[in-house]
Amino acid sequence: MPEPDELDRAFARLSDRAATAREAVRRWQQYQITAELAATERRITPLIAAHDQQRYPRLEFLDPYFLATTGRPRLLTALLATALRYTDAEAGNVQLAGPDGLRIFTQHGFASPFLEFFAVVGDTGSACASALTNARPVNIPDVTRSVLFDDRTREVLRDAHVRAVRSIPLPDPTTGAVLGVLSVHHHRKDGLAAVDARMLAVLARATGRALRWNTLTGNGFRGG
């Protein structure tokens, strides 16, 4: 029968081996976590251009992790809030493109008459329709003088106190198709003249990439 000292040494060796095995497992798990984080970072980095982040460091919207993990409702609400904040526009909306045209997904500052009139927008007759059709930003400094609108549309805009509007397409980064349109509205003629158009374009491109990412990964369309 082993002596007590031998048993103590045997138990000590077993304990050391168990500790070594646990440490090996811990290191392997940490390696897997580190590798997964690195792979995720490589995948989401293209969601935003580095020079855009450097140019607009205060825009939390441009965080790649936010773009990759945020659901569509929260993403588009944050897009509109960011655009309104940095343009001082009183109202705005984000529309998504569908088979029948543009439908308002989220909005701020509008009452029922405006929302009902622009519930579904085709390919003509408004700034957002032009942005959708031509896949280019549209700037209307004075809606009362723009030939883009007919009399009824101008009346609806006037009743909503809209004098200036800028509409920016949300492009699919792969196909170039317009996924939707961001529009900001100002109550004063030329109220959007000093707006940083490049910033709005950066926001729009980032949103297009995020929408494409969510479509490919299935991430983000469950709310949030």
Protein backbone atom coordinates (compact mmCIF):
# COMPACT_ATOMS: atom_id res chain seq x y z
CA MET A 1 0.00 0.00 0.00
CA PRO A 2 1.43 3.42 -1.01
CA GLU A 3 2.80 5.60 1.75
CA PRO A 4 0.88 8.78 2.58
CA ASP A 5 3.67 10.91 1.13
CA GLU A 6 3.48 9.00 -2.17
CA LEU A 7 -0.29 9.52 -2.33
CA ASP A 8 0.14 13.24 -1.68
CA ARG A 9 2.70 13.47 -4.49
CA ALA A 10 0.44 11.49 -6.84
CA PHE A 11 -2.52 13.76 -6.10
CA ALA A 12 -0.30 16.80 -6.57
CA ARG A 13 0.80 15.51 -10.00
CA LEU A 14 -2.81 14.84 -11.00
CA SER A 15 -3.80 18.30 -9.82
CA ASP A 16 -0.97 19.88 -11.82
CA ARG A 17 -2.00 17.97 -14.95
CA ALA A 18 -5.62 18.98 -14.51
CA ALA A 19 -4.59 22.62 -14.08
CA THR A 20 -2.40 22.39 -17.21
CA ALA A 21 -5.31 20.87 -19.16
CA ARG A 22 -7.69 23.61 -17.99
CA GLU A 23 -5.20 26.28 -18.99
CA ALA A 24 -4.79 24.67 -22.42
CA VAL A 25 -8.58 24.67 -22.89
CA ARG A 26 -8.80 28.31 -21.74
CA ARG A 27 -6.09 29.37 -24.18
CA TRP A 28 -7.76 27.48 -27.02
CA GLN A 29 -11.11 29.10 -26.26
CA GLN A 30 -9.47 32.52 -26.10
CA TYR A 31 -7.75 31.83 -29.41
CA GLN A 32 -11.10 30.92 -30.99
CA ILE A 33 -12.74 34.07 -29.60
CA THR A 34 -9.87 36.26 -30.81
CA ALA A 35 -9.93 34.63 -34.25
CA GLU A 36 -13.71 35.06 -34.52
CA LEU A 37 -13.51 38.73 -33.50
CA ALA A 38 -10.74 39.34 -36.03
CA ALA A 39 -12.74 37.62 -38.77
CA THR A 40 -15.83 39.65 -37.88
CA GLU A 41 -13.85 42.89 -37.93
CA ARG A 42 -12.43 42.03 -41.36
CA ARG A 43 -15.93 41.33 -42.65
CA ILE A 44 -17.57 44.48 -41.32
CA THR A 45 -14.73 46.90 -42.07
CA PRO A 46 -15.96 47.43 -45.67
CA LEU A 47 -19.27 48.72 -44.27
CA ILE A 48 -17.66 52.13 -43.96
CA ALA A 49 -14.71 53.75 -45.68
CA ALA A 50 -11.89 54.69 -43.30
CA HIS A 51 -11.57 58.18 -44.79
CA ASP A 52 -15.29 58.79 -44.16
CA GLN A 53 -14.85 57.94 -40.48
CA GLN A 54 -11.82 60.20 -40.31
CA ARG A 55 -13.68 63.05 -41.98
CA TYR A 56 -16.74 62.67 -39.73
CA PRO A 57 -15.44 61.27 -36.43
CA ARG A 58 -18.45 62.58 -34.49
CA LEU A 59 -20.97 60.56 -36.47
CA GLU A 60 -21.71 57.54 -34.32
CA PHE A 61 -23.85 56.24 -37.18
CA LEU A 62 -20.66 55.39 -39.08
CA ASP A 63 -19.53 52.80 -36.52
CA PRO A 64 -19.16 49.52 -38.51
CA TYR A 65 -20.37 47.45 -35.55
CA PHE A 66 -23.52 49.58 -35.36
CA LEU A 67 -24.13 49.18 -39.09
CA ALA A 68 -23.54 45.42 -38.96
CA THR A 69 -25.66 44.59 -35.91
CA THR A 70 -28.53 47.07 -35.97
CA GLY A 71 -31.95 46.05 -37.24
CA ARG A 72 -33.58 47.88 -40.10
CA PRO A 73 -36.13 49.89 -38.04
CA ARG A 74 -33.48 51.23 -35.66
CA LEU A 75 -30.97 51.72 -38.48
CA LEU A 76 -33.27 53.89 -40.58
CA THR A 77 -34.57 55.79 -37.57
CA ALA A 78 -30.96 56.57 -36.59
CA LEU A 79 -30.19 57.61 -40.17
CA LEU A 80 -33.04 60.12 -40.18
CA ALA A 81 -32.21 61.44 -36.70
CA THR A 82 -28.56 61.94 -37.68
CA ALA A 83 -29.48 63.68 -40.94
CA LEU A 84 -31.92 66.04 -39.21
CA ARG A 85 -29.46 66.81 -36.44
CA TYR A 86 -26.67 67.86 -38.78
CA THR A 87 -28.81 69.72 -41.32
CA ASP A 88 -31.06 71.62 -38.88
CA ALA A 89 -33.99 70.50 -41.03
CA GLU A 90 -37.38 70.60 -39.33
CA ALA A 91 -38.73 67.46 -40.98
CA GLY A 92 -37.66 64.45 -42.98
CA ASN A 93 -38.38 60.89 -43.95
CA VAL A 94 -36.82 57.69 -45.18
CA GLN A 95 -38.59 55.73 -47.90
CA LEU A 96 -37.84 52.23 -49.07
CA ALA A 97 -38.21 51.15 -52.68
CA GLY A 98 -40.68 48.44 -53.62
CA PRO A 99 -42.47 47.15 -56.72
CA ASP A 100 -45.02 49.99 -56.59
CA GLY A 101 -42.53 52.76 -55.80
CA LEU A 102 -41.34 54.44 -52.61
CA ARG A 103 -43.11 53.93 -49.28
CA ILE A 104 -42.36 55.94 -46.14
CA PHE A 105 -40.65 53.75 -43.56
CA THR A 106 -39.93 56.37 -40.91
CA GLN A 107 -40.57 60.10 -40.67
CA HIS A 108 -40.36 63.11 -38.41
CA GLY A 109 -42.28 66.38 -38.46
CA PHE A 110 -45.17 65.55 -40.77
CA ALA A 111 -48.92 65.33 -40.18
CA SER A 112 -51.47 63.00 -41.77
CA PRO A 113 -52.23 65.00 -44.96
CA PHE A 114 -48.58 64.93 -46.05
CA LEU A 115 -48.11 61.29 -45.07
CA GLU A 116 -51.27 60.21 -46.88
CA PHE A 117 -50.42 62.14 -50.05
CA PHE A 118 -46.87 60.74 -50.18
CA ALA A 119 -47.79 57.27 -48.87
CA VAL A 120 -46.69 55.72 -52.16
CA VAL A 121 -44.51 57.69 -54.58
CA GLY A 122 -43.99 56.61 -58.17
CA ASP A 123 -41.14 57.59 -60.48
CA THR A 124 -42.15 61.20 -61.23
CA GLY A 125 -43.53 64.32 -59.60
CA SER A 126 -41.33 64.76 -56.53
CA ALA A 127 -37.74 65.16 -55.37
CA CYS A 128 -37.67 61.65 -53.92
CA ALA A 129 -39.09 60.18 -57.13
CA SER A 130 -36.37 61.92 -59.13
CA ALA A 131 -33.70 60.63 -56.72
CA LEU A 132 -35.08 57.12 -57.17
CA THR A 133 -35.31 57.30 -60.96
CA ASN A 134 -31.95 58.94 -61.62
CA ALA A 135 -30.04 57.45 -58.67
CA ARG A 136 -28.69 60.91 -57.89
CA PRO A 137 -29.27 63.44 -55.09
CA VAL A 138 -31.88 66.10 -55.80
CA ASN A 139 -31.79 69.56 -54.23
CA ILE A 140 -34.82 71.85 -54.43
CA PRO A 141 -33.99 75.24 -52.83
CA ASP A 142 -37.53 76.58 -53.33
CA VAL A 143 -40.37 74.15 -53.91
CA THR A 144 -42.73 76.98 -54.92
CA ARG A 145 -40.62 77.66 -58.01
CA SER A 146 -39.60 74.14 -58.96
CA VAL A 147 -41.07 72.67 -62.15
CA LEU A 148 -40.57 69.24 -60.59
CA PHE A 149 -43.87 69.56 -58.70
CA ASP A 150 -47.41 69.98 -59.97
CA ASP A 151 -49.86 72.39 -58.35
CA ARG A 152 -51.40 69.80 -56.02
CA THR A 153 -48.01 68.61 -54.78
CA ARG A 154 -46.87 72.17 -54.15
CA GLU A 155 -50.06 72.77 -52.18
CA VAL A 156 -49.40 69.75 -49.96
CA LEU A 157 -45.81 70.85 -49.41
CA ARG A 158 -46.89 74.40 -48.63
CA ASP A 159 -49.45 73.18 -46.10
CA ALA A 160 -46.65 71.14 -44.47
CA HIS A 161 -44.52 74.32 -44.33
CA VAL A 162 -41.91 72.79 -46.65
CA ARG A 163 -39.96 75.31 -48.70
CA ALA A 164 -36.72 73.43 -49.41
CA VAL A 165 -36.03 69.72 -49.80
CA ARG A 166 -33.02 67.54 -50.47
CA SER A 167 -33.45 63.86 -51.41
CA ILE A 168 -30.54 61.41 -51.39
CA PRO A 169 -30.75 57.86 -52.79
CA LEU A 170 -29.63 54.90 -50.67
CA PRO A 171 -27.57 52.83 -53.13
CA ASP A 172 -26.97 49.09 -53.17
CA PRO A 173 -23.14 48.87 -53.09
CA THR A 174 -23.11 45.84 -55.39
CA THR A 175 -25.71 46.61 -58.06
CA GLY A 176 -26.08 50.36 -57.76
CA ALA A 177 -29.85 49.96 -57.48
CA VAL A 178 -31.63 52.47 -55.26
CA LEU A 179 -32.86 50.73 -52.11
CA GLY A 180 -34.59 53.80 -50.74
CA VAL A 181 -34.40 57.56 -50.37
CA LEU A 182 -33.52 59.87 -47.48
CA SER A 183 -35.18 63.30 -47.65
CA VAL A 184 -34.70 66.32 -45.39
CA HIS A 185 -37.09 69.28 -45.47
CA HIS A 186 -36.67 72.85 -44.33
CA HIS A 187 -39.32 75.48 -43.58
CA ARG A 188 -37.24 78.30 -45.06
CA LYS A 189 -36.39 78.86 -48.71
CA ASP A 190 -32.73 77.97 -49.30
CA GLY A 191 -32.73 76.58 -45.75
CA LEU A 192 -30.60 73.64 -46.86
CA ALA A 193 -28.12 75.67 -48.87
CA ALA A 194 -25.34 75.32 -46.30
CA VAL A 195 -25.88 71.59 -45.74
CA ASP A 196 -22.83 69.34 -46.07
CA ALA A 197 -24.02 67.35 -49.09
CA ARG A 198 -21.00 65.08 -48.85
CA MET A 199 -21.96 64.08 -45.31
CA LEU A 200 -25.46 63.12 -46.42
CA ALA A 201 -23.97 61.09 -49.27
CA VAL A 202 -21.67 59.30 -46.80
CA LEU A 203 -24.65 58.50 -44.56
CA ALA A 204 -26.62 57.24 -47.55
CA ARG A 205 -23.82 54.98 -48.81
CA ALA A 206 -23.24 53.56 -45.33
CA THR A 207 -26.96 52.81 -45.05
CA GLY A 208 -26.98 51.11 -48.44
CA ARG A 209 -24.07 48.91 -47.39
CA ALA A 210 -25.76 48.08 -44.08
CA LEU A 211 -29.03 47.15 -45.80
CA ARG A 212 -27.12 44.95 -48.23
CA TRP A 213 -25.19 43.35 -45.34
CA ASN A 214 -28.40 42.60 -43.49
CA THR A 215 -29.91 41.05 -46.59
CA LEU A 216 -26.91 38.77 -47.13
CA THR A 217 -26.47 37.74 -43.50
CA GLY A 218 -30.08 37.70 -42.40
CA ASN A 219 -28.99 39.94 -39.55
CA GLY A 220 -30.99 42.91 -38.38
CA PHE A 221 -34.41 42.26 -39.92
CA ARG A 222 -35.96 40.99 -36.71
CA GLY A 223 -36.46 44.45 -35.23
CA GLY A 224 -34.31 46.53 -32.92
